Amino acid sequence: QVQLVESGGGLVQPGGSLRLSCEASGIIFSRVVMGWYRQRPGKQRELIARIGSRGSAYYADSVKGRFTLSRESAQNTVTLQMNSLKFEDTAVYYCNAYDVLANGRDVDYWGQGTQVTVSS
């Protein structure tokens, strides 16, 4: 059974920092692409960062230069360091694992989501 367990959300002032972590179990961590999505109020869920098995990372323009995604294979964990947070970063953040199974089918796994609120 695949589980993605997120932690680290909360309330922070503009300009502050938060760190989100996602621990994966039940998957071959070295094979999957790990990512973070967010869903802002009234908006669709959007990809903000993802990292491949070899550590190459992609960032959405809205977070580039402020957020850093890393993966720690020994702990089956990815960490999203969020700096210089803005009001518009307020959202529910979801951890995602993208895998391609042996039968060729691709599948997305999701965490339960963690709330990040940027407010003064």
N, C-alpha and C. Protein backbone atom coordinates (compact mmCIF):
# COMPACT_ATOMS: atom_id res chain seq x y z
N GLN A 1 0.85 -1.19 0.00
CA GLN A 1 0.00 0.00 0.00
C GLN A 1 0.89 1.25 0.00
N VAL A 2 0.64 2.12 -0.96
CA VAL A 2 1.45 3.32 -1.08
C VAL A 2 0.92 4.38 -0.12
N GLN A 3 1.84 4.99 0.59
CA GLN A 3 1.48 6.11 1.47
C GLN A 3 2.45 7.24 1.27
N LEU A 4 1.92 8.44 1.20
CA LEU A 4 2.71 9.66 1.18
C LEU A 4 2.25 10.49 2.38
N VAL A 5 3.14 10.70 3.32
CA VAL A 5 2.77 11.40 4.55
C VAL A 5 3.50 12.74 4.57
N GLU A 6 2.71 13.81 4.56
CA GLU A 6 3.25 15.16 4.53
C GLU A 6 3.31 15.75 5.93
N SER A 7 4.24 16.65 6.11
CA SER A 7 4.33 17.39 7.37
C SER A 7 4.98 18.73 7.11
N GLY A 8 4.75 19.66 8.03
CA GLY A 8 5.46 20.93 7.98
C GLY A 8 4.66 22.14 7.58
N GLY A 9 3.39 22.00 7.28
CA GLY A 9 2.60 23.17 6.95
C GLY A 9 2.34 24.03 8.16
N GLY A 10 1.71 25.17 7.93
CA GLY A 10 1.38 26.05 9.05
C GLY A 10 1.17 27.47 8.62
N LEU A 11 1.23 28.36 9.61
CA LEU A 11 1.02 29.79 9.40
C LEU A 11 2.36 30.51 9.46
N VAL A 12 2.58 31.39 8.52
CA VAL A 12 3.84 32.13 8.48
C VAL A 12 3.57 33.54 7.95
N GLN A 13 4.39 34.47 8.36
CA GLN A 13 4.24 35.85 7.88
C GLN A 13 4.89 36.00 6.51
N PRO A 14 4.46 36.99 5.75
CA PRO A 14 5.11 37.24 4.45
C PRO A 14 6.61 37.44 4.64
N GLY A 15 7.37 36.85 3.73
CA GLY A 15 8.82 36.91 3.83
C GLY A 15 9.43 35.80 4.65
N GLY A 16 8.60 35.04 5.32
CA GLY A 16 9.08 33.96 6.16
C GLY A 16 9.35 32.69 5.38
N SER A 17 9.69 31.65 6.12
CA SER A 17 10.05 30.36 5.52
C SER A 17 9.29 29.22 6.17
N LEU A 18 9.08 28.19 5.39
CA LEU A 18 8.53 26.93 5.90
C LEU A 18 9.21 25.79 5.15
N ARG A 19 9.22 24.64 5.81
CA ARG A 19 9.77 23.46 5.17
C ARG A 19 8.72 22.36 5.20
N LEU A 20 8.39 21.84 4.03
CA LEU A 20 7.46 20.72 3.92
C LEU A 20 8.23 19.44 3.65
N SER A 21 7.82 18.38 4.30
CA SER A 21 8.43 17.08 4.06
C SER A 21 7.37 16.07 3.66
N CYS A 22 7.80 15.10 2.88
CA CYS A 22 6.90 14.04 2.44
C CYS A 22 7.67 12.73 2.51
N GLU A 23 7.18 11.82 3.32
CA GLU A 23 7.80 10.51 3.44
C GLU A 23 6.96 9.49 2.68
N ALA A 24 7.61 8.75 1.81
CA ALA A 24 6.92 7.78 0.97
C ALA A 24 7.18 6.37 1.46
N SER A 25 6.17 5.53 1.35
CA SER A 25 6.32 4.11 1.65
C SER A 25 5.47 3.31 0.67
N GLY A 26 5.88 2.07 0.47
CA GLY A 26 5.12 1.20 -0.42
C GLY A 26 5.44 1.38 -1.89
N ILE A 27 6.47 2.17 -2.20
CA ILE A 27 6.86 2.37 -3.60
C ILE A 27 8.37 2.17 -3.71
N ILE A 28 8.83 2.00 -4.95
CA ILE A 28 10.27 1.94 -5.20
C ILE A 28 10.73 3.38 -5.37
N PHE A 29 11.20 3.94 -4.28
CA PHE A 29 11.47 5.38 -4.24
C PHE A 29 12.47 5.81 -5.31
N SER A 30 13.44 4.96 -5.59
CA SER A 30 14.47 5.33 -6.55
C SER A 30 13.93 5.42 -7.97
N ARG A 31 12.75 4.93 -8.19
CA ARG A 31 12.18 4.89 -9.54
C ARG A 31 11.23 6.04 -9.82
N VAL A 32 10.62 6.58 -8.78
CA VAL A 32 9.53 7.52 -8.99
C VAL A 32 10.01 8.95 -9.11
N VAL A 33 9.22 9.75 -9.79
CA VAL A 33 9.39 11.20 -9.80
C VAL A 33 8.53 11.75 -8.67
N MET A 34 9.14 12.54 -7.82
CA MET A 34 8.43 13.12 -6.67
C MET A 34 8.15 14.59 -6.95
N GLY A 35 7.01 15.05 -6.50
CA GLY A 35 6.68 16.44 -6.74
C GLY A 35 5.77 17.01 -5.68
N TRP A 36 5.62 18.33 -5.74
CA TRP A 36 4.68 19.04 -4.89
C TRP A 36 3.74 19.85 -5.78
N TYR A 37 2.47 19.74 -5.48
CA TYR A 37 1.44 20.54 -6.12
C TYR A 37 0.80 21.40 -5.04
N ARG A 38 0.08 22.40 -5.48
CA ARG A 38 -0.70 23.18 -4.53
C ARG A 38 -2.03 23.58 -5.16
N GLN A 39 -2.98 23.80 -4.29
CA GLN A 39 -4.28 24.26 -4.74
C GLN A 39 -4.67 25.47 -3.92
N ARG A 40 -4.67 26.60 -4.58
CA ARG A 40 -5.05 27.85 -3.93
C ARG A 40 -6.56 27.98 -3.95
N PRO A 41 -7.12 28.77 -3.06
CA PRO A 41 -8.57 28.93 -3.00
C PRO A 41 -9.14 29.36 -4.35
N GLY A 42 -10.11 28.62 -4.83
CA GLY A 42 -10.77 28.96 -6.08
C GLY A 42 -9.98 28.63 -7.34
N LYS A 43 -8.83 27.95 -7.16
CA LYS A 43 -7.98 27.65 -8.30
C LYS A 43 -7.83 26.15 -8.49
N GLN A 44 -7.34 25.76 -9.65
CA GLN A 44 -7.05 24.35 -9.90
C GLN A 44 -5.71 23.97 -9.26
N ARG A 45 -5.57 22.71 -9.00
CA ARG A 45 -4.30 22.21 -8.47
C ARG A 45 -3.21 22.42 -9.53
N GLU A 46 -2.04 22.89 -9.07
CA GLU A 46 -0.96 23.19 -10.00
C GLU A 46 0.35 22.59 -9.51
N LEU A 47 1.17 22.18 -10.46
CA LEU A 47 2.50 21.67 -10.16
C LEU A 47 3.41 22.84 -9.83
N ILE A 48 4.13 22.74 -8.72
CA ILE A 48 5.07 23.81 -8.40
C ILE A 48 6.52 23.34 -8.45
N ALA A 49 6.77 22.07 -8.17
CA ALA A 49 8.13 21.56 -8.22
C ALA A 49 8.11 20.05 -8.31
N ARG A 50 9.09 19.48 -9.00
CA ARG A 50 9.21 18.03 -9.03
C ARG A 50 10.68 17.70 -9.20
N ILE A 51 11.03 16.49 -8.80
CA ILE A 51 12.42 16.08 -8.85
C ILE A 51 12.49 14.64 -9.31
N GLY A 52 13.38 14.39 -10.27
CA GLY A 52 13.54 13.06 -10.80
C GLY A 52 14.40 12.18 -9.93
N SER A 53 14.51 10.95 -10.34
CA SER A 53 15.25 9.97 -9.55
C SER A 53 16.73 10.31 -9.46
N ARG A 54 17.22 11.05 -10.42
CA ARG A 54 18.64 11.43 -10.40
C ARG A 54 18.87 12.80 -9.80
N GLY A 55 17.80 13.44 -9.32
CA GLY A 55 17.95 14.71 -8.62
C GLY A 55 17.74 15.94 -9.44
N SER A 56 17.41 15.80 -10.72
CA SER A 56 17.15 16.99 -11.53
C SER A 56 15.78 17.54 -11.17
N ALA A 57 15.72 18.84 -10.95
CA ALA A 57 14.50 19.47 -10.44
C ALA A 57 13.92 20.45 -11.44
N TYR A 58 12.61 20.54 -11.39
CA TYR A 58 11.84 21.52 -12.17
C TYR A 58 11.06 22.39 -11.19
N TYR A 59 10.97 23.68 -11.51
CA TYR A 59 10.20 24.60 -10.69
C TYR A 59 9.27 25.44 -11.56
N ALA A 60 8.08 25.66 -11.08
CA ALA A 60 7.20 26.61 -11.75
C ALA A 60 7.77 28.01 -11.61
N ASP A 61 7.48 28.86 -12.56
CA ASP A 61 8.01 30.23 -12.53
C ASP A 61 7.62 30.97 -11.26
N SER A 62 6.45 30.66 -10.75
CA SER A 62 5.94 31.37 -9.59
C SER A 62 6.76 31.12 -8.32
N VAL A 63 7.54 30.04 -8.30
CA VAL A 63 8.30 29.71 -7.09
C VAL A 63 9.80 29.64 -7.34
N LYS A 64 10.20 29.75 -8.58
CA LYS A 64 11.61 29.63 -8.93
C LYS A 64 12.43 30.67 -8.19
N GLY A 65 13.53 30.22 -7.62
CA GLY A 65 14.39 31.13 -6.87
C GLY A 65 14.00 31.28 -5.41
N ARG A 66 12.81 30.82 -5.04
CA ARG A 66 12.35 30.92 -3.64
C ARG A 66 12.20 29.55 -2.99
N PHE A 67 11.82 28.57 -3.80
CA PHE A 67 11.59 27.22 -3.28
C PHE A 67 12.70 26.29 -3.76
N THR A 68 13.06 25.34 -2.91
CA THR A 68 14.06 24.34 -3.27
C THR A 68 13.55 22.96 -2.89
N LEU A 69 13.59 22.06 -3.85
CA LEU A 69 13.13 20.69 -3.62
C LEU A 69 14.32 19.75 -3.61
N SER A 70 14.36 18.89 -2.62
CA SER A 70 15.44 17.91 -2.54
C SER A 70 14.86 16.55 -2.16
N ARG A 71 15.62 15.52 -2.47
CA ARG A 71 15.16 14.18 -2.11
C ARG A 71 16.28 13.45 -1.37
N GLU A 72 15.90 12.71 -0.35
CA GLU A 72 16.82 11.95 0.46
C GLU A 72 16.43 10.48 0.33
N SER A 73 17.18 9.78 -0.51
CA SER A 73 16.80 8.42 -0.84
C SER A 73 16.86 7.48 0.36
N ALA A 74 17.80 7.73 1.25
CA ALA A 74 17.95 6.84 2.40
C ALA A 74 16.72 6.88 3.31
N GLN A 75 16.00 8.02 3.29
CA GLN A 75 14.81 8.17 4.13
C GLN A 75 13.52 8.12 3.33
N ASN A 76 13.62 7.89 2.01
CA ASN A 76 12.42 7.92 1.15
C ASN A 76 11.63 9.21 1.35
N THR A 77 12.35 10.31 1.38
CA THR A 77 11.73 11.59 1.74
C THR A 77 12.10 12.66 0.72
N VAL A 78 11.16 13.54 0.46
CA VAL A 78 11.45 14.77 -0.28
C VAL A 78 11.11 15.94 0.62
N THR A 79 11.89 16.99 0.47
CA THR A 79 11.72 18.18 1.29
C THR A 79 11.59 19.39 0.39
N LEU A 80 10.60 20.22 0.67
CA LEU A 80 10.40 21.46 -0.07
C LEU A 80 10.69 22.61 0.88
N GLN A 81 11.80 23.28 0.65
CA GLN A 81 12.16 24.45 1.44
C GLN A 81 11.56 25.68 0.76
N MET A 82 10.72 26.38 1.48
CA MET A 82 10.01 27.54 0.92
C MET A 82 10.47 28.80 1.64
N ASN A 83 11.10 29.69 0.89
CA ASN A 83 11.60 30.94 1.44
C ASN A 83 10.88 32.13 0.80
N SER A 84 11.01 33.27 1.42
CA SER A 84 10.42 34.51 0.89
C SER A 84 8.95 34.30 0.53
N LEU A 85 8.22 33.73 1.44
CA LEU A 85 6.82 33.38 1.16
C LEU A 85 5.98 34.63 0.97
N LYS A 86 5.00 34.50 0.08
CA LYS A 86 4.11 35.60 -0.27
C LYS A 86 2.67 35.21 0.07
N PHE A 87 1.82 36.22 0.12
CA PHE A 87 0.40 35.95 0.38
C PHE A 87 -0.14 34.91 -0.61
N GLU A 88 0.28 35.04 -1.85
CA GLU A 88 -0.27 34.17 -2.90
C GLU A 88 0.26 32.74 -2.83
N ASP A 89 1.15 32.46 -1.90
CA ASP A 89 1.58 31.08 -1.69
C ASP A 89 0.61 30.32 -0.78
N THR A 90 -0.35 31.03 -0.24
CA THR A 90 -1.34 30.37 0.61
C THR A 90 -2.10 29.32 -0.20
N ALA A 91 -2.09 28.09 0.28
CA ALA A 91 -2.70 26.98 -0.47
C ALA A 91 -2.62 25.71 0.35
N VAL A 92 -3.31 24.71 -0.14
CA VAL A 92 -3.08 23.35 0.36
C VAL A 92 -2.02 22.72 -0.54
N TYR A 93 -0.99 22.20 0.07
CA TYR A 93 0.13 21.63 -0.67
C TYR A 93 0.05 20.10 -0.61
N TYR A 94 0.19 19.49 -1.78
CA TYR A 94 0.07 18.04 -1.90
C TYR A 94 1.37 17.42 -2.41
N CYS A 95 1.79 16.39 -1.75
CA CYS A 95 2.92 15.60 -2.23
C CYS A 95 2.42 14.61 -3.28
N ASN A 96 3.24 14.41 -4.30
CA ASN A 96 2.87 13.52 -5.40
C ASN A 96 4.04 12.61 -5.75
N ALA A 97 3.70 11.37 -6.06
CA ALA A 97 4.69 10.43 -6.60
C ALA A 97 4.15 9.91 -7.92
N TYR A 98 4.95 10.04 -8.96
CA TYR A 98 4.57 9.56 -10.28
C TYR A 98 5.41 8.34 -10.61
N ASP A 99 4.72 7.26 -10.98
CA ASP A 99 5.43 6.00 -11.24
C ASP A 99 4.93 5.39 -12.54
N VAL A 100 5.80 4.65 -13.19
CA VAL A 100 5.42 3.86 -14.35
C VAL A 100 5.61 2.40 -13.95
N LEU A 101 4.52 1.65 -13.96
CA LEU A 101 4.55 0.28 -13.48
C LEU A 101 5.13 -0.66 -14.53
N ALA A 102 5.37 -1.89 -14.13
CA ALA A 102 5.98 -2.86 -15.03
C ALA A 102 5.11 -3.12 -16.26
N ASN A 103 3.81 -2.96 -16.14
CA ASN A 103 2.92 -3.18 -17.28
C ASN A 103 2.80 -1.96 -18.17
N GLY A 104 3.57 -0.93 -17.87
CA GLY A 104 3.57 0.28 -18.69
C GLY A 104 2.57 1.33 -18.26
N ARG A 105 1.73 0.98 -17.33
CA ARG A 105 0.72 1.94 -16.87
C ARG A 105 1.37 2.96 -15.94
N ASP A 106 1.00 4.21 -16.13
CA ASP A 106 1.52 5.22 -15.21
C ASP A 106 0.47 5.53 -14.16
N VAL A 107 0.95 5.91 -13.02
CA VAL A 107 0.05 6.12 -11.89
C VAL A 107 0.56 7.28 -11.03
N ASP A 108 -0.37 8.03 -10.50
CA ASP A 108 -0.06 9.11 -9.56
C ASP A 108 -0.55 8.73 -8.17
N TYR A 109 0.30 8.97 -7.20
CA TYR A 109 -0.07 8.80 -5.80
C TYR A 109 -0.05 10.17 -5.14
N TRP A 110 -0.95 10.36 -4.18
CA TRP A 110 -1.10 11.67 -3.55
C TRP A 110 -1.09 11.55 -2.03
N GLY A 111 -0.52 12.58 -1.42
CA GLY A 111 -0.64 12.73 0.01
C GLY A 111 -1.98 13.36 0.35
N GLN A 112 -2.20 13.53 1.64
CA GLN A 112 -3.50 14.04 2.09
C GLN A 112 -3.58 15.57 2.01
N GLY A 113 -2.45 16.22 1.84
CA GLY A 113 -2.43 17.67 1.75
C GLY A 113 -2.10 18.31 3.08
N THR A 114 -1.39 19.42 3.01
CA THR A 114 -1.06 20.18 4.21
C THR A 114 -1.27 21.67 3.92
N GLN A 115 -1.88 22.35 4.85
CA GLN A 115 -2.23 23.76 4.65
C GLN A 115 -1.03 24.66 4.94
N VAL A 116 -0.78 25.58 4.01
CA VAL A 116 0.20 26.64 4.22
C VAL A 116 -0.55 27.97 4.10
N THR A 117 -0.45 28.77 5.14
CA THR A 117 -1.12 30.06 5.16
C THR A 117 -0.10 31.15 5.40
N VAL A 118 -0.05 32.10 4.47
CA VAL A 118 0.86 33.24 4.60
C VAL A 118 0.00 34.45 4.93
N SER A 119 0.20 34.96 6.12
CA SER A 119 -0.65 36.06 6.59
C SER A 119 0.10 36.89 7.61
N SER A 120 -0.21 38.18 7.59
CA SER A 120 0.39 39.08 8.58
C SER A 120 -0.55 39.25 9.76
